[in-house]
C-alpha cells in the first residue's frame, strides 16, 4: 500500500465532495443554458473521480503502472513543444477579447498542431479552422454561451 497516494487521493475526494456540496447551491441551468453551477459541478465530479482512482492505486499497487520509475522525460525538442503550447495558451488569453474567439482559437489550434509535429499545410489549415468552427457551434450555438467576437464583430 502506498500511503502517499492513498492520502493524496483521499484529500482529493474530500475536496471534490466539498466543491460538489458548494456547486449544487448554484443553478445548473439558467433559461436553458449552463448556469453558474454547471462548470463547478463537473469539475468537482472530475476531482472526485481522480481522487478515487488515486486512492485505489495507492491501496492496490497492481493498478499502478508497472515501471513508473523508468519514466523517460522528453528531450529538448519535447520541452520546446510544451513551451510553445503553453506560450500559445498564454498569448490566446491576452488577445481573446481583441481578436475574438474564432480568430484566437484558430491561431491557438494552429500552434498546437504545429507543436505536435504536423507540418502539412493542409493539416495546419484545416484542423485549426475546423476545430474553431466546431467549438463555436458547440458553445455559441448549442449552449448559447456568449463568446467574444473581436475583430469579426461586424459579421453580427
N, C-alpha and C. Protein backbone atom coordinates (compact mmCIF):
# COMPACT_ATOMS: atom_id res chain seq x y z
N UNK A 1 0.84 -1.18 0.00
CA UNK A 1 0.00 0.00 0.00
C UNK A 1 0.89 1.25 0.00
N UNK A 2 0.62 2.17 -0.91
CA UNK A 2 1.35 3.42 -1.00
C UNK A 2 0.58 4.48 -0.20
N UNK A 3 1.12 4.82 0.97
CA UNK A 3 0.40 5.73 1.87
C UNK A 3 0.27 7.14 1.29
N UNK A 4 1.28 7.59 0.55
CA UNK A 4 1.24 8.94 -0.01
C UNK A 4 0.10 9.07 -1.04
N UNK A 5 0.00 8.08 -1.94
CA UNK A 5 -1.06 8.13 -2.94
C UNK A 5 -2.43 7.95 -2.31
N UNK A 6 -2.52 7.07 -1.32
CA UNK A 6 -3.80 6.86 -0.64
C UNK A 6 -4.23 8.13 0.08
N UNK A 7 -3.30 8.78 0.76
CA UNK A 7 -3.61 10.03 1.46
C UNK A 7 -3.98 11.15 0.51
N UNK A 8 -3.19 11.31 -0.55
CA UNK A 8 -3.47 12.37 -1.52
C UNK A 8 -4.81 12.13 -2.20
N UNK A 9 -5.08 10.90 -2.57
CA UNK A 9 -6.36 10.58 -3.20
C UNK A 9 -7.53 10.86 -2.28
N UNK A 10 -7.36 10.53 -1.00
CA UNK A 10 -8.42 10.81 -0.03
C UNK A 10 -8.66 12.31 0.12
N UNK A 11 -7.58 13.08 0.10
CA UNK A 11 -7.71 14.54 0.18
C UNK A 11 -8.44 15.07 -1.05
N UNK A 12 -8.11 14.55 -2.24
CA UNK A 12 -8.80 14.96 -3.46
C UNK A 12 -10.29 14.64 -3.39
N UNK A 13 -10.61 13.46 -2.90
CA UNK A 13 -12.03 13.08 -2.77
C UNK A 13 -12.73 14.05 -1.82
N UNK A 14 -12.10 14.36 -0.69
CA UNK A 14 -12.71 15.27 0.28
C UNK A 14 -12.91 16.67 -0.32
N UNK A 15 -11.89 17.18 -1.01
CA UNK A 15 -12.00 18.49 -1.65
C UNK A 15 -13.09 18.47 -2.72
N UNK A 16 -13.14 17.40 -3.50
CA UNK A 16 -14.17 17.28 -4.54
C UNK A 16 -15.57 17.25 -3.96
N UNK A 17 -15.74 16.53 -2.85
CA UNK A 17 -17.07 16.49 -2.20
C UNK A 17 -17.43 17.86 -1.67
N UNK A 18 -16.47 18.55 -1.08
CA UNK A 18 -16.72 19.91 -0.58
C UNK A 18 -17.13 20.83 -1.73
N UNK A 19 -16.40 20.76 -2.85
CA UNK A 19 -16.75 21.57 -4.01
C UNK A 19 -18.12 21.20 -4.56
N UNK A 20 -18.43 19.91 -4.58
CA UNK A 20 -19.72 19.45 -5.08
C UNK A 20 -20.86 19.99 -4.21
N UNK A 21 -20.67 19.95 -2.90
CA UNK A 21 -21.69 20.46 -1.99
C UNK A 21 -21.91 21.96 -2.18
N UNK A 22 -20.84 22.69 -2.51
CA UNK A 22 -20.99 24.12 -2.82
C UNK A 22 -21.62 24.32 -4.20
N UNK A 23 -21.24 23.51 -5.16
CA UNK A 23 -21.71 23.68 -6.55
C UNK A 23 -23.21 23.44 -6.67
N UNK A 24 -23.76 22.53 -5.87
CA UNK A 24 -25.19 22.24 -6.01
C UNK A 24 -26.06 23.37 -5.47
N UNK A 25 -25.45 24.35 -4.80
CA UNK A 25 -26.20 25.52 -4.34
C UNK A 25 -26.44 26.54 -5.45
N UNK A 26 -25.72 26.41 -6.57
CA UNK A 26 -25.89 27.31 -7.70
C UNK A 26 -26.80 26.67 -8.74
N UNK A 27 -27.54 27.48 -9.50
CA UNK A 27 -28.39 26.89 -10.54
C UNK A 27 -27.56 26.24 -11.64
N UNK A 28 -27.94 25.00 -11.98
CA UNK A 28 -27.22 24.25 -13.02
C UNK A 28 -27.51 24.83 -14.40
N UNK A 29 -28.79 25.16 -14.65
CA UNK A 29 -29.20 25.78 -15.91
C UNK A 29 -29.96 27.06 -15.60
N UNK A 30 -29.76 28.07 -16.45
CA UNK A 30 -30.49 29.33 -16.34
C UNK A 30 -31.05 29.63 -17.73
N UNK A 31 -32.35 29.67 -17.84
CA UNK A 31 -33.02 29.90 -19.12
C UNK A 31 -32.56 28.93 -20.20
N UNK A 32 -32.35 27.71 -19.82
CA UNK A 32 -31.99 26.67 -20.77
C UNK A 32 -30.52 26.63 -21.16
N UNK A 33 -29.69 27.49 -20.58
CA UNK A 33 -28.25 27.48 -20.87
C UNK A 33 -27.49 27.17 -19.59
N UNK A 34 -26.26 26.70 -19.70
CA UNK A 34 -25.49 26.40 -18.49
C UNK A 34 -25.38 27.61 -17.58
N UNK A 35 -25.70 27.39 -16.32
CA UNK A 35 -25.66 28.47 -15.33
C UNK A 35 -24.37 28.44 -14.54
N UNK A 36 -24.32 29.20 -13.45
CA UNK A 36 -23.10 29.29 -12.65
C UNK A 36 -22.73 28.00 -11.92
N UNK A 37 -23.65 27.04 -11.85
CA UNK A 37 -23.33 25.78 -11.19
C UNK A 37 -22.87 24.69 -12.13
N UNK A 38 -22.92 24.93 -13.44
CA UNK A 38 -22.59 23.91 -14.44
C UNK A 38 -21.13 23.48 -14.34
N UNK A 39 -20.21 24.42 -14.53
CA UNK A 39 -18.79 24.08 -14.55
C UNK A 39 -18.28 23.61 -13.18
N UNK A 40 -18.62 24.29 -12.06
CA UNK A 40 -18.14 23.79 -10.77
C UNK A 40 -18.59 22.36 -10.47
N UNK A 41 -19.81 22.01 -10.88
CA UNK A 41 -20.30 20.66 -10.64
C UNK A 41 -19.46 19.63 -11.38
N UNK A 42 -19.18 19.88 -12.64
CA UNK A 42 -18.40 18.91 -13.44
C UNK A 42 -16.94 18.87 -13.01
N UNK A 43 -16.38 20.00 -12.60
CA UNK A 43 -15.01 20.00 -12.09
C UNK A 43 -14.95 19.20 -10.79
N UNK A 44 -15.92 19.41 -9.91
CA UNK A 44 -15.96 18.67 -8.64
C UNK A 44 -16.06 17.17 -8.89
N UNK A 45 -16.92 16.78 -9.83
CA UNK A 45 -17.04 15.35 -10.14
C UNK A 45 -15.73 14.79 -10.70
N UNK A 46 -15.04 15.57 -11.53
CA UNK A 46 -13.75 15.14 -12.07
C UNK A 46 -12.70 14.97 -10.97
N UNK A 47 -12.69 15.89 -10.01
CA UNK A 47 -11.75 15.79 -8.90
C UNK A 47 -12.06 14.57 -8.04
N UNK A 48 -13.35 14.31 -7.81
CA UNK A 48 -13.73 13.13 -7.02
C UNK A 48 -13.28 11.85 -7.72
N UNK A 49 -13.55 11.74 -9.02
CA UNK A 49 -13.15 10.54 -9.76
C UNK A 49 -11.63 10.39 -9.75
N UNK A 50 -10.90 11.48 -9.95
CA UNK A 50 -9.43 11.42 -9.90
C UNK A 50 -8.94 10.97 -8.54
N UNK A 51 -9.57 11.47 -7.48
CA UNK A 51 -9.19 11.07 -6.13
C UNK A 51 -9.47 9.60 -5.86
N UNK A 52 -10.61 9.11 -6.36
CA UNK A 52 -10.94 7.69 -6.18
C UNK A 52 -9.91 6.81 -6.91
N UNK A 53 -9.54 7.21 -8.13
CA UNK A 53 -8.55 6.43 -8.89
C UNK A 53 -7.20 6.45 -8.17
N UNK A 54 -6.78 7.63 -7.68
CA UNK A 54 -5.50 7.73 -6.99
C UNK A 54 -5.51 6.91 -5.70
N UNK A 55 -6.62 6.96 -4.97
CA UNK A 55 -6.74 6.16 -3.75
C UNK A 55 -6.69 4.67 -4.05
N UNK A 56 -7.40 4.25 -5.11
CA UNK A 56 -7.40 2.83 -5.49
C UNK A 56 -5.99 2.38 -5.88
N UNK A 57 -5.25 3.23 -6.61
CA UNK A 57 -3.88 2.88 -6.97
C UNK A 57 -2.99 2.77 -5.74
N UNK A 58 -3.26 3.61 -4.73
CA UNK A 58 -2.47 3.55 -3.50
C UNK A 58 -2.76 2.31 -2.68
N UNK A 59 -4.03 1.89 -2.69
CA UNK A 59 -4.40 0.71 -1.90
C UNK A 59 -4.00 -0.57 -2.62
N UNK A 60 -4.24 -0.62 -3.92
CA UNK A 60 -3.90 -1.81 -4.73
C UNK A 60 -2.79 -1.45 -5.70
N UNK A 61 -1.53 -1.65 -5.35
CA UNK A 61 -0.40 -1.25 -6.19
C UNK A 61 -0.40 -1.89 -7.58
N UNK A 62 -1.04 -3.03 -7.74
CA UNK A 62 -1.03 -3.67 -9.07
C UNK A 62 -1.78 -2.84 -10.11
N UNK A 63 -2.60 -1.86 -9.67
CA UNK A 63 -3.30 -0.98 -10.61
C UNK A 63 -2.39 0.11 -11.16
N UNK A 64 -1.24 0.34 -10.49
CA UNK A 64 -0.31 1.37 -10.92
C UNK A 64 0.47 0.90 -12.14
N UNK A 65 1.14 1.85 -12.79
CA UNK A 65 1.97 1.50 -13.95
C UNK A 65 3.06 0.55 -13.50
N UNK A 66 3.36 -0.49 -14.30
CA UNK A 66 4.34 -1.47 -13.87
C UNK A 66 5.75 -0.91 -13.72
N UNK A 67 6.15 0.02 -14.56
CA UNK A 67 7.50 0.56 -14.50
C UNK A 67 7.44 2.08 -14.35
N UNK A 68 6.80 2.57 -13.32
CA UNK A 68 6.61 4.00 -13.14
C UNK A 68 7.93 4.72 -12.87
N UNK A 69 8.92 4.03 -12.33
CA UNK A 69 10.18 4.68 -12.02
C UNK A 69 11.06 4.83 -13.25
N UNK A 70 10.78 4.11 -14.31
CA UNK A 70 11.57 4.20 -15.53
C UNK A 70 10.99 5.16 -16.54
N UNK A 71 10.31 6.20 -16.08
CA UNK A 71 9.69 7.16 -16.98
C UNK A 71 10.78 7.92 -17.72
N UNK A 72 10.63 8.03 -19.03
CA UNK A 72 11.59 8.74 -19.85
C UNK A 72 11.07 10.16 -20.08
N UNK A 73 11.84 11.15 -19.65
CA UNK A 73 11.44 12.54 -19.83
C UNK A 73 11.82 13.00 -21.23
N UNK A 74 11.09 13.97 -21.79
CA UNK A 74 11.36 14.41 -23.15
C UNK A 74 12.71 15.12 -23.27
N UNK A 75 13.24 15.08 -24.47
CA UNK A 75 14.48 15.78 -24.76
C UNK A 75 14.16 17.27 -24.95
N UNK A 76 15.15 18.05 -25.36
CA UNK A 76 14.98 19.50 -25.51
C UNK A 76 13.86 19.84 -26.50
N UNK A 77 13.74 19.09 -27.58
CA UNK A 77 12.70 19.37 -28.57
C UNK A 77 11.31 19.17 -27.97
N UNK A 78 11.17 18.19 -27.11
CA UNK A 78 9.88 17.96 -26.45
C UNK A 78 9.53 19.10 -25.51
N UNK A 79 10.52 19.58 -24.75
CA UNK A 79 10.27 20.72 -23.86
C UNK A 79 9.96 21.97 -24.66
N UNK A 80 10.58 22.13 -25.84
CA UNK A 80 10.27 23.28 -26.70
C UNK A 80 8.81 23.22 -27.13
N UNK A 81 8.33 22.04 -27.48
CA UNK A 81 6.93 21.89 -27.88
C UNK A 81 5.99 22.23 -26.73
N UNK A 82 6.32 21.77 -25.54
CA UNK A 82 5.49 22.08 -24.37
C UNK A 82 5.49 23.59 -24.13
N UNK A 83 6.64 24.21 -24.22
CA UNK A 83 6.74 25.66 -24.05
C UNK A 83 5.97 26.42 -25.10
N UNK A 84 6.02 25.94 -26.35
CA UNK A 84 5.28 26.57 -27.44
C UNK A 84 3.78 26.54 -27.15
N UNK A 85 3.28 25.40 -26.71
CA UNK A 85 1.85 25.28 -26.44
C UNK A 85 1.43 26.12 -25.24
N UNK A 86 2.24 26.14 -24.18
CA UNK A 86 1.92 26.97 -23.02
C UNK A 86 1.98 28.45 -23.38
N UNK A 87 2.97 28.84 -24.17
CA UNK A 87 3.07 30.23 -24.62
C UNK A 87 1.89 30.61 -25.50
N UNK A 88 1.47 29.70 -26.37
CA UNK A 88 0.32 29.97 -27.22
C UNK A 88 -0.95 30.12 -26.39
N UNK A 89 -1.07 29.32 -25.34
CA UNK A 89 -2.24 29.44 -24.46
C UNK A 89 -2.23 30.79 -23.74
N UNK A 90 -1.08 31.20 -23.24
CA UNK A 90 -0.98 32.48 -22.55
C UNK A 90 -1.28 33.63 -23.51
N UNK A 91 -0.73 33.57 -24.71
CA UNK A 91 -0.99 34.62 -25.70
C UNK A 91 -2.46 34.66 -26.08
N UNK A 92 -3.08 33.49 -26.17
CA UNK A 92 -4.50 33.43 -26.51
C UNK A 92 -5.35 34.13 -25.47
N UNK A 93 -5.01 33.93 -24.21
CA UNK A 93 -5.76 34.59 -23.14
C UNK A 93 -5.61 36.10 -23.21
N UNK A 94 -4.44 36.58 -23.64
CA UNK A 94 -4.20 38.01 -23.71
C UNK A 94 -4.97 38.65 -24.86
N UNK A 95 -5.04 37.99 -26.00
CA UNK A 95 -5.64 38.61 -27.20
C UNK A 95 -7.08 38.17 -27.47
N UNK A 96 -7.67 37.36 -26.61
CA UNK A 96 -9.00 36.81 -26.87
C UNK A 96 -10.04 37.89 -27.09
N UNK A 97 -10.11 38.90 -26.24
CA UNK A 97 -11.13 39.94 -26.38
C UNK A 97 -10.92 40.77 -27.65
N UNK A 98 -9.68 41.06 -27.97
CA UNK A 98 -9.38 41.92 -29.12
C UNK A 98 -9.59 41.20 -30.45
N UNK A 99 -9.08 39.98 -30.55
CA UNK A 99 -9.19 39.24 -31.82
C UNK A 99 -10.50 38.47 -31.93
N UNK A 100 -11.08 38.08 -30.82
CA UNK A 100 -12.31 37.31 -30.85
C UNK A 100 -12.03 35.82 -30.75
N UNK A 101 -13.10 35.08 -30.45
CA UNK A 101 -12.98 33.64 -30.22
C UNK A 101 -12.51 32.89 -31.46
N UNK A 102 -13.13 33.16 -32.61
CA UNK A 102 -12.80 32.38 -33.81
C UNK A 102 -11.35 32.55 -34.23
N UNK A 103 -10.89 33.79 -34.30
CA UNK A 103 -9.51 34.05 -34.75
C UNK A 103 -8.51 33.50 -33.73
N UNK A 104 -8.75 33.79 -32.45
CA UNK A 104 -7.84 33.34 -31.40
C UNK A 104 -7.77 31.82 -31.33
N UNK A 105 -8.92 31.16 -31.40
CA UNK A 105 -8.94 29.70 -31.31
C UNK A 105 -8.26 29.08 -32.53
N UNK A 106 -8.48 29.65 -33.71
CA UNK A 106 -7.83 29.12 -34.91
C UNK A 106 -6.31 29.24 -34.79
N UNK A 107 -5.82 30.41 -34.35
CA UNK A 107 -4.37 30.58 -34.20
C UNK A 107 -3.80 29.68 -33.10
N UNK A 108 -4.54 29.55 -31.99
CA UNK A 108 -4.08 28.67 -30.91
C UNK A 108 -4.01 27.23 -31.38
N UNK A 109 -5.06 26.76 -32.04
CA UNK A 109 -5.06 25.37 -32.52
C UNK A 109 -3.97 25.15 -33.57
N UNK A 110 -3.69 26.15 -34.39
CA UNK A 110 -2.61 26.01 -35.38
C UNK A 110 -1.26 25.84 -34.67
N UNK A 111 -1.05 26.60 -33.59
CA UNK A 111 0.22 26.45 -32.86
C UNK A 111 0.29 25.10 -32.16
N UNK A 112 -0.83 24.59 -31.67
CA UNK A 112 -0.84 23.27 -31.03
C UNK A 112 -0.55 22.18 -32.06
N UNK A 113 -1.21 22.26 -33.21
CA UNK A 113 -0.99 21.26 -34.27
C UNK A 113 0.47 21.31 -34.72
N UNK A 114 1.01 22.52 -34.88
CA UNK A 114 2.42 22.67 -35.25
C UNK A 114 3.32 22.10 -34.16
N UNK A 115 2.99 22.40 -32.90
CA UNK A 115 3.78 21.90 -31.78
C UNK A 115 3.76 20.39 -31.66
N UNK A 116 2.68 19.77 -32.09
CA UNK A 116 2.59 18.31 -32.06
C UNK A 116 3.40 17.66 -33.19
N UNK A 117 3.93 18.48 -34.09
CA UNK A 117 4.82 17.95 -35.12
C UNK A 117 4.22 17.84 -36.51
N UNK A 118 3.00 18.27 -36.71
CA UNK A 118 2.40 18.21 -38.04
C UNK A 118 2.89 19.40 -38.85
N UNK A 119 3.43 19.15 -40.04
CA UNK A 119 3.95 20.23 -40.87
C UNK A 119 3.22 20.33 -42.20
N UNK A 120 2.26 19.48 -42.42
CA UNK A 120 1.48 19.53 -43.66
C UNK A 120 0.66 20.81 -43.69
N UNK A 121 0.76 21.56 -44.79
CA UNK A 121 -0.02 22.79 -44.92
C UNK A 121 -1.50 22.50 -44.87
N UNK A 122 -1.91 21.39 -45.44
CA UNK A 122 -3.31 21.01 -45.45
C UNK A 122 -3.82 20.80 -44.02
N UNK A 123 -3.05 20.09 -43.21
CA UNK A 123 -3.44 19.84 -41.82
C UNK A 123 -3.41 21.15 -41.03
N UNK A 124 -2.37 21.96 -41.22
CA UNK A 124 -2.25 23.22 -40.50
C UNK A 124 -3.34 24.22 -40.88
N UNK A 125 -3.96 24.06 -42.04
CA UNK A 125 -5.02 24.97 -42.46
C UNK A 125 -6.40 24.46 -42.07
N UNK A 126 -6.63 23.16 -42.17
CA UNK A 126 -7.99 22.65 -41.97
C UNK A 126 -8.31 22.28 -40.52
N UNK A 127 -7.39 21.64 -39.82
CA UNK A 127 -7.68 21.18 -38.46
C UNK A 127 -7.95 22.36 -37.52
N UNK A 128 -7.11 23.40 -37.48
CA UNK A 128 -7.40 24.51 -36.58
C UNK A 128 -8.72 25.22 -36.91
N UNK A 129 -8.98 25.47 -38.17
CA UNK A 129 -10.22 26.15 -38.55
C UNK A 129 -11.42 25.27 -38.26
N UNK A 130 -11.33 23.99 -38.57
CA UNK A 130 -12.43 23.07 -38.27
C UNK A 130 -12.68 22.95 -36.78
N UNK A 131 -11.61 22.94 -35.99
CA UNK A 131 -11.76 22.88 -34.53
C UNK A 131 -12.42 24.14 -34.00
N UNK A 132 -12.01 25.29 -34.51
CA UNK A 132 -12.60 26.55 -34.05
C UNK A 132 -14.08 26.62 -34.40
N UNK A 133 -14.43 26.19 -35.60
CA UNK A 133 -15.84 26.20 -36.01
C UNK A 133 -16.63 25.22 -35.14
N UNK A 134 -16.10 24.03 -34.91
CA UNK A 134 -16.80 23.05 -34.07
C UNK A 134 -17.00 23.57 -32.66
N UNK A 135 -15.97 24.18 -32.07
CA UNK A 135 -16.10 24.73 -30.73
C UNK A 135 -17.10 25.89 -30.70
N UNK A 136 -17.10 26.71 -31.76
CA UNK A 136 -18.06 27.82 -31.82
C UNK A 136 -19.49 27.29 -31.89
N UNK A 137 -19.70 26.26 -32.70
CA UNK A 137 -21.05 25.68 -32.80
C UNK A 137 -21.49 25.10 -31.46
N UNK A 138 -20.58 24.39 -30.80
CA UNK A 138 -20.93 23.78 -29.51
C UNK A 138 -21.27 24.86 -28.48
N UNK A 139 -20.40 25.85 -28.32
CA UNK A 139 -20.59 26.81 -27.24
C UNK A 139 -21.53 27.95 -27.60
N UNK A 140 -21.35 28.58 -28.75
CA UNK A 140 -22.16 29.76 -29.08
C UNK A 140 -23.55 29.39 -29.59
N UNK A 141 -23.63 28.33 -30.39
CA UNK A 141 -24.92 27.98 -30.98
C UNK A 141 -25.70 27.02 -30.08
N UNK A 142 -25.09 25.90 -29.74
CA UNK A 142 -25.81 24.86 -28.99
C UNK A 142 -26.01 25.26 -27.53
N UNK A 143 -24.93 25.67 -26.83
CA UNK A 143 -25.04 26.03 -25.42
C UNK A 143 -25.38 27.50 -25.19
N UNK A 144 -25.36 28.29 -26.25
CA UNK A 144 -25.69 29.72 -26.21
C UNK A 144 -24.82 30.50 -25.22
N UNK A 145 -23.54 30.19 -25.21
CA UNK A 145 -22.58 30.91 -24.38
C UNK A 145 -22.08 32.10 -25.19
N UNK A 146 -22.19 33.32 -24.66
CA UNK A 146 -21.68 34.47 -25.41
C UNK A 146 -20.16 34.44 -25.49
N UNK A 147 -19.64 34.45 -26.71
CA UNK A 147 -18.20 34.41 -26.92
C UNK A 147 -17.75 35.74 -27.51
N UNK A 148 -16.52 36.19 -27.20
CA UNK A 148 -16.04 37.46 -27.75
C UNK A 148 -15.93 37.39 -29.27
N UNK A 149 -16.46 38.40 -29.94
CA UNK A 149 -16.42 38.45 -31.41
C UNK A 149 -15.16 39.14 -31.91
N UNK A 150 -14.65 40.12 -31.15
CA UNK A 150 -13.40 40.80 -31.51
C UNK A 150 -13.48 41.45 -32.86
N UNK A 151 -12.48 41.21 -33.70
CA UNK A 151 -12.39 41.88 -34.99
C UNK A 151 -13.43 41.36 -36.00
N UNK A 152 -14.14 40.29 -35.68
CA UNK A 152 -15.19 39.79 -36.56
C UNK A 152 -16.58 40.25 -36.12
N UNK A 153 -16.64 41.27 -35.26
CA UNK A 153 -17.93 41.73 -34.71
C UNK A 153 -18.85 42.28 -35.80
N UNK A 154 -18.29 42.76 -36.90
CA UNK A 154 -19.13 43.32 -37.96
C UNK A 154 -19.95 42.27 -38.67
N UNK A 155 -19.66 40.97 -38.46
CA UNK A 155 -20.47 39.90 -39.05
C UNK A 155 -21.75 39.66 -38.27
N UNK A 156 -21.86 40.25 -37.12
CA UNK A 156 -23.09 40.11 -36.33
C UNK A 156 -22.84 39.29 -35.17
